[in-house]
Each structure stands twice: as structure tokens, then as C-alpha cells.
N, C-alpha and C. Protein backbone atom coordinates (compact mmCIF):
# COMPACT_ATOMS: atom_id res chain seq x y z
N MET A 1 0.72 -1.28 0.04
CA MET A 1 -0.06 -0.06 -0.08
C MET A 1 1.00 1.27 -0.09
N PRO A 2 0.61 2.00 -0.75
CA PRO A 2 1.54 3.51 -0.88
C PRO A 2 1.28 4.27 0.31
N ARG A 3 2.29 5.53 0.27
CA ARG A 3 2.11 6.39 1.62
C ARG A 3 0.72 7.01 1.32
N SER A 4 0.23 7.35 2.55
CA SER A 4 -1.00 8.14 2.35
C SER A 4 -1.17 9.55 3.20
N ASP A 5 0.29 10.22 3.33
CA ASP A 5 0.39 11.19 4.01
C ASP A 5 -0.48 12.39 3.70
N GLY A 6 -1.22 12.94 4.65
CA GLY A 6 -2.03 14.22 4.42
C GLY A 6 -3.56 13.57 3.96
N LYS A 7 -3.81 12.44 3.77
CA LYS A 7 -5.15 11.82 3.52
C LYS A 7 -6.04 11.49 4.86
N THR A 8 -7.29 11.85 4.57
CA THR A 8 -8.25 11.53 5.75
C THR A 8 -8.93 10.19 5.38
N VAL A 9 -8.98 9.24 6.32
CA VAL A 9 -9.49 8.06 5.95
C VAL A 9 -10.54 7.74 7.23
N VAL A 10 -11.89 7.20 6.83
CA VAL A 10 -12.77 6.92 7.81
C VAL A 10 -13.17 5.35 7.68
N VAL A 11 -12.83 4.99 8.81
CA VAL A 11 -12.94 3.31 8.96
C VAL A 11 -14.13 3.02 9.76
N THR A 12 -15.18 2.38 9.51
CA THR A 12 -16.30 1.90 10.29
C THR A 12 -15.81 0.65 10.88
N GLY A 13 -16.19 0.33 11.95
CA GLY A 13 -15.84 -0.95 12.88
C GLY A 13 -14.40 -1.07 12.95
N ALA A 14 -13.63 0.07 13.31
CA ALA A 14 -12.23 0.25 13.28
C ALA A 14 -11.66 -0.43 14.56
N ASN A 15 -12.36 -0.83 15.25
CA ASN A 15 -11.80 -1.34 16.71
C ASN A 15 -11.49 -3.01 16.66
N SER A 16 -11.94 -3.81 15.47
CA SER A 16 -11.72 -5.12 15.52
C SER A 16 -11.47 -5.51 13.91
N GLY A 17 -11.08 -6.65 13.81
CA GLY A 17 -11.04 -7.56 12.61
C GLY A 17 -10.18 -6.73 11.38
N LEU A 18 -10.84 -6.77 10.36
CA LEU A 18 -10.40 -6.17 9.23
C LEU A 18 -10.39 -4.65 9.19
N GLY A 19 -11.30 -3.86 9.95
CA GLY A 19 -11.20 -2.66 10.23
C GLY A 19 -10.10 -2.23 11.17
N PHE A 20 -9.86 -2.93 12.06
CA PHE A 20 -8.66 -2.56 12.88
C PHE A 20 -7.33 -2.72 12.03
N GLU A 21 -7.15 -3.89 11.24
CA GLU A 21 -5.91 -3.84 10.57
C GLU A 21 -5.91 -2.76 9.50
N GLY A 22 -6.91 -2.33 8.85
CA GLY A 22 -6.80 -1.27 7.81
C GLY A 22 -6.38 -0.03 8.60
N THR A 23 -6.97 0.07 10.03
CA THR A 23 -6.71 1.37 10.67
C THR A 23 -5.09 1.44 10.79
N ARG A 24 -4.59 0.21 11.28
CA ARG A 24 -3.19 -0.11 11.60
C ARG A 24 -2.32 0.37 10.31
N GLU A 25 -2.86 -0.17 9.23
CA GLU A 25 -2.02 0.07 7.98
C GLU A 25 -2.08 1.38 7.52
N PHE A 26 -3.23 2.22 7.30
CA PHE A 26 -3.33 3.57 7.07
C PHE A 26 -2.57 4.60 7.92
N ALA A 27 -2.65 4.28 9.24
CA ALA A 27 -1.95 5.08 10.11
C ALA A 27 -0.48 5.12 9.98
N ALA A 28 -0.01 3.88 9.82
CA ALA A 28 1.46 3.63 9.62
C ALA A 28 2.10 4.14 8.34
N ARG A 29 1.14 4.50 7.62
CA ARG A 29 1.30 5.12 6.02
C ARG A 29 1.33 6.57 6.26
N GLY A 30 0.88 7.10 7.35
CA GLY A 30 0.86 8.64 7.22
C GLY A 30 -0.52 9.25 7.44
N ALA A 31 -1.62 8.58 7.20
CA ALA A 31 -3.13 8.88 7.13
C ALA A 31 -3.61 9.30 8.48
N THR A 32 -4.45 10.24 8.49
CA THR A 32 -5.18 10.59 9.60
C THR A 32 -6.45 9.62 9.42
N VAL A 33 -6.79 8.74 10.44
CA VAL A 33 -7.70 7.65 10.40
C VAL A 33 -8.52 7.99 11.65
N VAL A 34 -9.94 8.14 11.04
CA VAL A 34 -11.29 8.55 11.80
C VAL A 34 -11.71 7.12 12.17
N MET A 35 -11.79 6.69 13.30
CA MET A 35 -12.14 5.56 13.84
C MET A 35 -13.69 5.52 14.01
N ALA A 36 -14.62 5.28 13.26
CA ALA A 36 -16.04 5.27 13.26
C ALA A 36 -16.59 3.95 13.87
N CYS A 37 -16.83 4.12 15.33
CA CYS A 37 -17.15 2.92 16.17
C CYS A 37 -18.32 3.08 17.06
N ARG A 38 -19.16 1.98 17.27
CA ARG A 38 -20.25 2.02 18.01
C ARG A 38 -19.87 2.24 19.48
N SER A 39 -18.84 1.58 19.89
CA SER A 39 -18.40 1.84 21.31
C SER A 39 -17.00 2.69 21.38
N VAL A 40 -16.99 3.84 21.93
CA VAL A 40 -15.97 4.68 21.90
C VAL A 40 -14.84 4.00 22.89
N GLU A 41 -15.31 3.50 23.94
CA GLU A 41 -14.45 2.66 24.80
C GLU A 41 -13.46 1.58 24.17
N ARG A 42 -14.25 0.56 23.32
CA ARG A 42 -13.50 -0.23 22.85
C ARG A 42 -12.63 0.26 21.61
N ALA A 43 -12.98 1.54 20.90
CA ALA A 43 -12.32 2.02 19.91
C ALA A 43 -11.04 2.70 20.38
N GLU A 44 -11.10 3.23 21.65
CA GLU A 44 -10.01 3.98 22.15
C GLU A 44 -8.99 2.98 22.74
N ALA A 45 -9.30 1.73 23.13
CA ALA A 45 -8.42 0.65 23.47
C ALA A 45 -7.76 0.14 22.17
N ALA A 46 -8.43 0.17 21.08
CA ALA A 46 -7.83 -0.21 19.70
C ALA A 46 -6.87 0.74 19.34
N ALA A 47 -7.23 1.96 19.50
CA ALA A 47 -6.07 3.01 18.97
C ALA A 47 -4.96 3.05 19.95
N ASP A 48 -5.27 2.68 21.47
CA ASP A 48 -3.88 2.66 22.12
C ASP A 48 -3.19 1.53 21.48
N GLU A 49 -3.69 0.47 21.21
CA GLU A 49 -3.02 -0.72 20.74
C GLU A 49 -2.12 -0.49 19.33
N VAL A 50 -2.89 0.15 18.59
CA VAL A 50 -2.12 0.58 17.28
C VAL A 50 -0.99 1.60 17.83
N ARG A 51 -1.17 2.36 18.67
CA ARG A 51 -0.12 3.36 19.10
C ARG A 51 1.13 2.79 19.58
N ALA A 52 0.72 1.82 20.50
CA ALA A 52 1.90 0.91 21.27
C ALA A 52 2.44 0.13 20.46
N ASP A 53 1.79 -0.51 19.47
CA ASP A 53 2.43 -1.50 18.42
C ASP A 53 3.48 -0.68 17.57
N ALA A 54 3.19 0.54 17.16
CA ALA A 54 3.99 1.21 16.45
C ALA A 54 5.40 1.81 17.19
N GLY A 55 5.29 1.77 18.55
CA GLY A 55 6.40 2.03 19.33
C GLY A 55 6.83 3.35 19.14
N GLY A 56 5.99 4.38 19.14
CA GLY A 56 6.25 5.81 18.97
C GLY A 56 6.56 6.12 17.53
N GLY A 57 6.48 5.16 16.48
CA GLY A 57 6.71 5.54 14.97
C GLY A 57 5.46 5.61 14.24
N LEU A 58 4.33 5.91 14.91
CA LEU A 58 3.07 5.98 14.00
C LEU A 58 3.26 7.25 13.10
N ASP A 59 3.15 7.26 12.00
CA ASP A 59 3.19 8.34 11.08
C ASP A 59 2.04 9.16 10.86
N GLY A 60 0.93 8.40 10.99
CA GLY A 60 -0.48 9.05 11.13
C GLY A 60 -1.14 9.69 12.29
N ASP A 61 -2.37 9.77 12.21
CA ASP A 61 -2.93 10.14 13.63
C ASP A 61 -4.25 9.45 13.60
N LEU A 62 -4.91 8.98 14.85
CA LEU A 62 -6.16 8.36 15.08
C LEU A 62 -7.09 9.43 15.69
N ASP A 63 -8.21 9.34 15.31
CA ASP A 63 -9.44 10.21 15.72
C ASP A 63 -10.49 9.31 15.98
N VAL A 64 -10.73 8.88 17.18
CA VAL A 64 -11.86 7.92 17.62
C VAL A 64 -13.13 8.79 17.76
N ARG A 65 -14.32 8.32 17.12
CA ARG A 65 -15.64 8.99 17.08
C ARG A 65 -16.65 7.95 17.14
N GLU A 66 -17.61 8.39 17.77
CA GLU A 66 -18.83 7.49 17.89
C GLU A 66 -19.41 7.38 16.78
N CYS A 67 -19.88 6.34 16.02
CA CYS A 67 -20.79 6.26 14.99
C CYS A 67 -21.65 4.82 15.15
N ASP A 68 -22.70 4.83 15.50
CA ASP A 68 -23.60 3.70 15.63
C ASP A 68 -24.51 3.62 14.52
N LEU A 69 -24.14 2.60 13.54
CA LEU A 69 -24.87 2.49 12.18
C LEU A 69 -26.31 1.86 12.45
N ALA A 70 -26.59 1.40 13.64
CA ALA A 70 -28.06 1.16 14.11
C ALA A 70 -28.94 2.25 14.27
N SER A 71 -28.36 3.43 14.28
CA SER A 71 -28.97 4.78 14.39
C SER A 71 -28.90 5.82 13.35
N LEU A 72 -29.84 6.10 12.52
CA LEU A 72 -29.49 6.99 11.75
C LEU A 72 -29.22 8.63 12.27
N ASP A 73 -29.78 8.75 13.47
CA ASP A 73 -29.27 10.07 14.14
C ASP A 73 -27.83 9.92 14.55
N SER A 74 -27.43 8.84 15.05
CA SER A 74 -25.89 8.61 15.30
C SER A 74 -25.00 8.94 13.99
N VAL A 75 -25.60 8.39 12.92
CA VAL A 75 -24.78 8.62 11.61
C VAL A 75 -24.63 9.92 11.25
N GLU A 76 -25.87 10.70 11.49
CA GLU A 76 -25.92 11.99 11.17
C GLU A 76 -25.01 12.90 11.93
N ALA A 77 -25.15 12.77 13.48
CA ALA A 77 -24.22 13.55 14.24
C ALA A 77 -22.85 13.06 13.77
N PHE A 78 -22.48 12.00 13.68
CA PHE A 78 -21.02 11.59 13.12
C PHE A 78 -20.55 12.40 11.81
N VAL A 79 -21.45 12.60 10.91
CA VAL A 79 -21.26 13.20 9.68
C VAL A 79 -21.00 14.68 9.97
N GLU A 80 -21.78 15.38 10.72
CA GLU A 80 -21.92 16.71 11.21
C GLU A 80 -20.56 17.00 11.93
N GLY A 81 -19.99 16.17 12.82
CA GLY A 81 -18.57 16.28 13.45
C GLY A 81 -17.64 16.28 12.54
N LEU A 82 -17.68 15.57 11.35
CA LEU A 82 -16.57 15.39 10.57
C LEU A 82 -16.61 16.79 9.72
N ARG A 83 -17.83 17.25 9.39
CA ARG A 83 -17.82 18.44 8.73
C ARG A 83 -17.33 19.51 9.35
N ASP A 84 -17.46 19.60 10.69
CA ASP A 84 -16.95 20.51 11.44
C ASP A 84 -15.50 20.52 11.63
N ASP A 85 -14.83 19.51 11.58
CA ASP A 85 -13.35 19.14 11.79
C ASP A 85 -12.43 18.87 10.61
N TYR A 86 -13.29 18.45 9.30
CA TYR A 86 -12.51 17.92 8.30
C TYR A 86 -12.98 18.76 7.00
N ASP A 87 -11.95 18.92 6.04
CA ASP A 87 -12.28 19.70 4.89
C ASP A 87 -12.83 18.53 3.71
N ALA A 88 -12.10 17.56 3.93
CA ALA A 88 -12.29 16.37 2.77
C ALA A 88 -12.04 15.02 3.53
N VAL A 89 -12.63 14.08 2.88
CA VAL A 89 -12.59 12.65 3.15
C VAL A 89 -11.96 12.08 2.09
N ASP A 90 -10.74 11.27 2.06
CA ASP A 90 -10.07 10.90 0.81
C ASP A 90 -10.52 9.24 0.69
N VAL A 91 -10.84 8.49 1.81
CA VAL A 91 -11.14 7.12 1.55
C VAL A 91 -12.34 6.94 2.81
N LEU A 92 -13.15 6.31 2.30
CA LEU A 92 -14.34 5.82 3.31
C LEU A 92 -14.37 4.20 3.27
N CYS A 93 -13.93 3.63 4.32
CA CYS A 93 -14.09 2.02 4.39
C CYS A 93 -15.33 1.65 5.28
N ASN A 94 -16.30 1.21 4.51
CA ASN A 94 -17.59 0.67 4.97
C ASN A 94 -17.20 -0.91 5.50
N ASN A 95 -16.98 -0.88 6.62
CA ASN A 95 -16.45 -2.15 7.19
C ASN A 95 -17.32 -2.90 8.31
N ALA A 96 -17.87 -1.96 9.11
CA ALA A 96 -18.46 -2.46 10.32
C ALA A 96 -19.71 -3.27 9.90
N GLY A 97 -20.13 -4.25 10.53
CA GLY A 97 -21.13 -5.24 10.39
C GLY A 97 -21.55 -6.10 11.69
N VAL A 98 -22.72 -6.56 11.47
CA VAL A 98 -23.03 -7.66 12.61
C VAL A 98 -23.59 -8.82 11.94
N MET A 99 -23.48 -10.03 12.44
CA MET A 99 -24.02 -11.29 11.74
C MET A 99 -24.58 -12.15 12.89
N ALA A 100 -25.57 -12.88 12.38
CA ALA A 100 -25.90 -14.15 13.38
C ALA A 100 -26.35 -13.59 14.70
N ILE A 101 -27.10 -12.49 14.85
CA ILE A 101 -27.62 -12.01 16.05
C ILE A 101 -29.04 -12.39 16.30
N PRO A 102 -29.47 -12.31 17.40
CA PRO A 102 -30.81 -12.51 17.66
C PRO A 102 -31.86 -11.48 16.96
N ARG A 103 -32.93 -11.65 16.51
CA ARG A 103 -33.77 -10.96 15.77
C ARG A 103 -34.00 -9.55 16.73
N SER A 104 -33.75 -8.54 16.20
CA SER A 104 -33.95 -7.22 16.85
C SER A 104 -34.12 -6.13 15.81
N GLU A 105 -34.52 -4.91 16.17
CA GLU A 105 -34.58 -3.69 15.38
C GLU A 105 -33.58 -2.80 15.61
N THR A 106 -33.34 -1.71 14.69
CA THR A 106 -32.56 -0.76 14.98
C THR A 106 -33.57 0.51 15.82
N GLU A 107 -32.87 1.70 16.13
CA GLU A 107 -33.63 2.66 16.55
C GLU A 107 -34.61 3.15 15.54
N ASP A 108 -34.29 2.92 14.42
CA ASP A 108 -35.28 3.45 13.21
C ASP A 108 -36.28 2.43 12.83
N GLY A 109 -36.40 1.13 13.50
CA GLY A 109 -37.26 0.19 13.18
C GLY A 109 -36.98 -0.74 12.15
N PHE A 110 -35.69 -0.74 11.67
CA PHE A 110 -35.31 -1.96 10.56
C PHE A 110 -34.55 -2.92 11.25
N GLU A 111 -34.84 -4.15 10.71
CA GLU A 111 -34.18 -5.35 11.11
C GLU A 111 -32.64 -4.91 11.27
N THR A 112 -32.00 -5.51 12.52
CA THR A 112 -30.75 -4.90 12.85
C THR A 112 -29.70 -5.34 11.80
N GLN A 113 -29.73 -6.56 11.35
CA GLN A 113 -28.49 -6.92 10.39
C GLN A 113 -28.62 -5.93 9.22
N PHE A 114 -29.67 -5.80 8.67
CA PHE A 114 -30.07 -5.07 7.36
C PHE A 114 -29.80 -3.70 7.74
N GLY A 115 -30.23 -3.15 8.76
CA GLY A 115 -30.11 -1.68 9.10
C GLY A 115 -28.61 -1.31 9.06
N VAL A 116 -27.83 -2.16 9.89
CA VAL A 116 -26.39 -1.82 10.27
C VAL A 116 -25.51 -2.17 9.08
N ASN A 117 -25.71 -3.27 8.39
CA ASN A 117 -24.67 -3.75 7.52
C ASN A 117 -24.98 -3.19 6.12
N HIS A 118 -26.36 -2.52 5.71
CA HIS A 118 -26.69 -2.11 4.58
C HIS A 118 -27.12 -0.44 4.72
N LEU A 119 -28.25 -0.48 5.18
CA LEU A 119 -28.78 0.91 5.62
C LEU A 119 -28.01 2.09 6.31
N GLY A 120 -27.33 1.60 7.24
CA GLY A 120 -26.24 2.45 7.91
C GLY A 120 -25.15 3.04 7.01
N HIS A 121 -24.67 2.13 6.42
CA HIS A 121 -23.48 2.27 5.43
C HIS A 121 -23.95 3.27 4.26
N PHE A 122 -25.27 2.87 3.67
CA PHE A 122 -25.86 3.72 2.75
C PHE A 122 -26.04 5.13 3.02
N ALA A 123 -26.66 5.21 4.17
CA ALA A 123 -26.69 6.58 4.85
C ALA A 123 -25.53 7.39 4.98
N LEU A 124 -24.47 6.54 5.49
CA LEU A 124 -23.27 7.35 5.87
C LEU A 124 -22.36 7.69 4.57
N THR A 125 -22.51 6.88 3.50
CA THR A 125 -21.96 7.12 2.39
C THR A 125 -22.67 8.46 1.53
N GLY A 126 -23.82 8.17 1.64
CA GLY A 126 -24.65 9.37 0.88
C GLY A 126 -24.44 10.79 1.55
N ARG A 127 -24.32 10.64 2.93
CA ARG A 127 -24.21 12.02 3.75
C ARG A 127 -22.86 12.53 3.46
N LEU A 128 -21.77 11.37 3.21
CA LEU A 128 -20.26 11.81 3.05
C LEU A 128 -19.94 12.37 1.59
N PHE A 129 -20.94 12.47 0.68
CA PHE A 129 -20.54 12.71 -0.68
C PHE A 129 -19.79 14.15 -0.92
N ASP A 130 -20.37 15.11 -0.11
CA ASP A 130 -19.71 16.51 -0.27
C ASP A 130 -18.20 16.44 0.21
N LEU A 131 -17.94 15.87 1.52
CA LEU A 131 -16.53 15.48 1.74
C LEU A 131 -15.68 14.71 1.00
N LEU A 132 -16.12 13.62 0.27
CA LEU A 132 -15.59 12.89 -0.77
C LEU A 132 -15.33 13.82 -1.90
N ASP A 133 -16.31 14.54 -2.40
CA ASP A 133 -16.05 15.46 -3.53
C ASP A 133 -14.99 16.40 -3.26
N ALA A 134 -15.29 16.95 -2.30
CA ALA A 134 -13.98 17.84 -1.77
C ALA A 134 -12.55 17.51 -1.93
N ALA A 135 -12.33 16.10 -1.56
CA ALA A 135 -11.07 15.42 -1.95
C ALA A 135 -10.60 15.64 -3.17
N GLU A 136 -11.56 15.06 -4.19
CA GLU A 136 -11.48 14.97 -5.60
C GLU A 136 -10.84 16.41 -6.14
N GLY A 137 -11.82 17.61 -5.42
CA GLY A 137 -11.55 18.87 -5.96
C GLY A 137 -10.36 19.64 -5.41
N ILE A 138 -9.62 19.13 -4.61
CA ILE A 138 -8.29 19.30 -4.08
C ILE A 138 -7.11 18.58 -4.64
N GLY A 139 -7.42 17.91 -5.74
CA GLY A 139 -6.49 17.08 -6.62
C GLY A 139 -6.41 15.60 -5.92
N GLY A 140 -7.38 15.27 -5.26
CA GLY A 140 -7.50 13.88 -4.48
C GLY A 140 -8.10 12.88 -5.51
N ASP A 141 -8.16 11.92 -4.95
CA ASP A 141 -8.52 10.64 -5.61
C ASP A 141 -9.47 9.97 -4.71
N ALA A 142 -10.59 10.58 -4.28
CA ALA A 142 -11.52 9.75 -3.07
C ALA A 142 -11.98 8.44 -3.60
N ARG A 143 -12.11 7.59 -2.60
CA ARG A 143 -12.39 6.21 -2.70
C ARG A 143 -13.55 5.73 -1.85
N VAL A 144 -14.45 5.04 -1.99
CA VAL A 144 -15.41 4.12 -1.09
C VAL A 144 -15.14 2.81 -1.30
N VAL A 145 -14.74 2.22 -0.24
CA VAL A 145 -14.64 0.79 -0.19
C VAL A 145 -15.56 -0.02 0.79
N THR A 146 -16.39 -0.84 0.28
CA THR A 146 -17.27 -1.46 1.17
C THR A 146 -16.97 -2.90 1.05
N GLN A 147 -16.85 -3.41 2.49
CA GLN A 147 -16.43 -4.87 2.78
C GLN A 147 -17.55 -5.54 2.75
N SER A 148 -17.52 -6.81 2.53
CA SER A 148 -18.72 -7.74 2.65
C SER A 148 -18.12 -8.95 3.06
N SER A 149 -18.87 -10.04 3.01
CA SER A 149 -18.57 -11.46 3.36
C SER A 149 -19.00 -12.58 2.44
N GLY A 150 -18.79 -13.69 2.67
CA GLY A 150 -19.35 -14.75 1.90
C GLY A 150 -20.48 -15.31 2.23
N ALA A 151 -21.13 -14.65 3.60
CA ALA A 151 -22.27 -15.44 4.12
C ALA A 151 -23.33 -15.58 3.40
N HIS A 152 -23.61 -14.69 2.12
CA HIS A 152 -24.51 -14.95 1.22
C HIS A 152 -24.54 -16.34 0.67
N GLU A 153 -23.45 -16.92 0.53
CA GLU A 153 -23.49 -18.24 -0.04
C GLU A 153 -23.85 -19.31 0.86
N GLN A 154 -24.20 -19.05 2.21
CA GLN A 154 -24.83 -20.26 3.23
C GLN A 154 -26.16 -20.06 3.24
N GLY A 155 -26.92 -19.35 2.71
CA GLY A 155 -28.33 -19.24 2.71
C GLY A 155 -28.89 -19.67 1.49
N GLU A 156 -30.24 -20.10 1.67
CA GLU A 156 -30.76 -20.58 0.40
C GLU A 156 -31.95 -19.72 0.35
N MET A 157 -32.42 -19.52 -0.98
CA MET A 157 -33.80 -18.75 -1.37
C MET A 157 -34.80 -19.66 -1.98
N ASP A 158 -35.79 -19.70 -1.29
CA ASP A 158 -37.05 -20.46 -1.67
C ASP A 158 -38.07 -19.37 -2.30
N PHE A 159 -38.04 -19.69 -3.77
CA PHE A 159 -38.92 -18.65 -4.43
C PHE A 159 -40.35 -19.49 -4.92
N SER A 160 -40.50 -20.52 -4.20
CA SER A 160 -41.86 -21.12 -4.53
C SER A 160 -43.02 -20.71 -3.83
């Protein structure tokens, strides 16, 4: 992965799994990584781990912020905070997700897995278009990366 000096990267679910590893890699290469996580406490612990692993040699910066994709109000508040503090977003990594959880609903009344994994990221991406466009406008090359899994291969559709 090339250097990312001066880039702003937003990673949802940055406190574990692929989101954590992506956060580590972008920050090691000079990016400011906005860690968009449901639990600020777990995100702060993950940020501390990234800093400790770098041994003082972390080239980028870590900015922990709450973003609960199960709440469209939380998504909106997160975006408004970004607009207040950043002129552009160069990379958005839609990574957070839930799977195999008991049936429940988001704050907005959607089934939780669909609401978090799809609608939350859809809302976040749409609300960030202006900041992504701003990166393009200053000579950047904005990207949106959406992670998924192979879980769709495990289910069956009965159309009868």
C-alpha cells in the first residue's frame, strides 16, 4: 500500500477485525484515520494498541468517534462532526457489520442486520458525498471501499 500522508480515511468498525488492520496500515503510512465505532471505549483501546504496536513510530493520527450504524441519528451526528473538523475525506471504508444476532430492530425500526450492514452504510456514504467530492476537488482521488463477506453463500432462497 502506498504512503497516505495528508489523507483522511474513515473506517467503520475500526476497533476489530479487518477494520482494525486497515486502521493500523493507513495510520502507519501517514493517514489520519477516523475510527468510526459504536463503542468509543473499545475504539480507544484499539487506538492505544495501534499506537503501542508502532512504538512511537506511528506516522499518521487516530481520531476516535462514535458512529452507531444502527441509529441514523448517530450517523448524522457523526457526519456533522466530520464536517466541523475536516475539509475532505479521501477514503471511506465501510467495514462494520453484525452477523448471526438474535432478531432485533434498529432505533429506526429496521431489522438490525439489514439496518447496520446495509442501510447504515448507505446513509453514511450518501451523507459524506460532499466531503468525498472535496477530496476530488483538491486534486485527490477519493475512494469508497465496502467490505462484505461470503455469508450470502450459506443461505438458500425458496422462491416457490
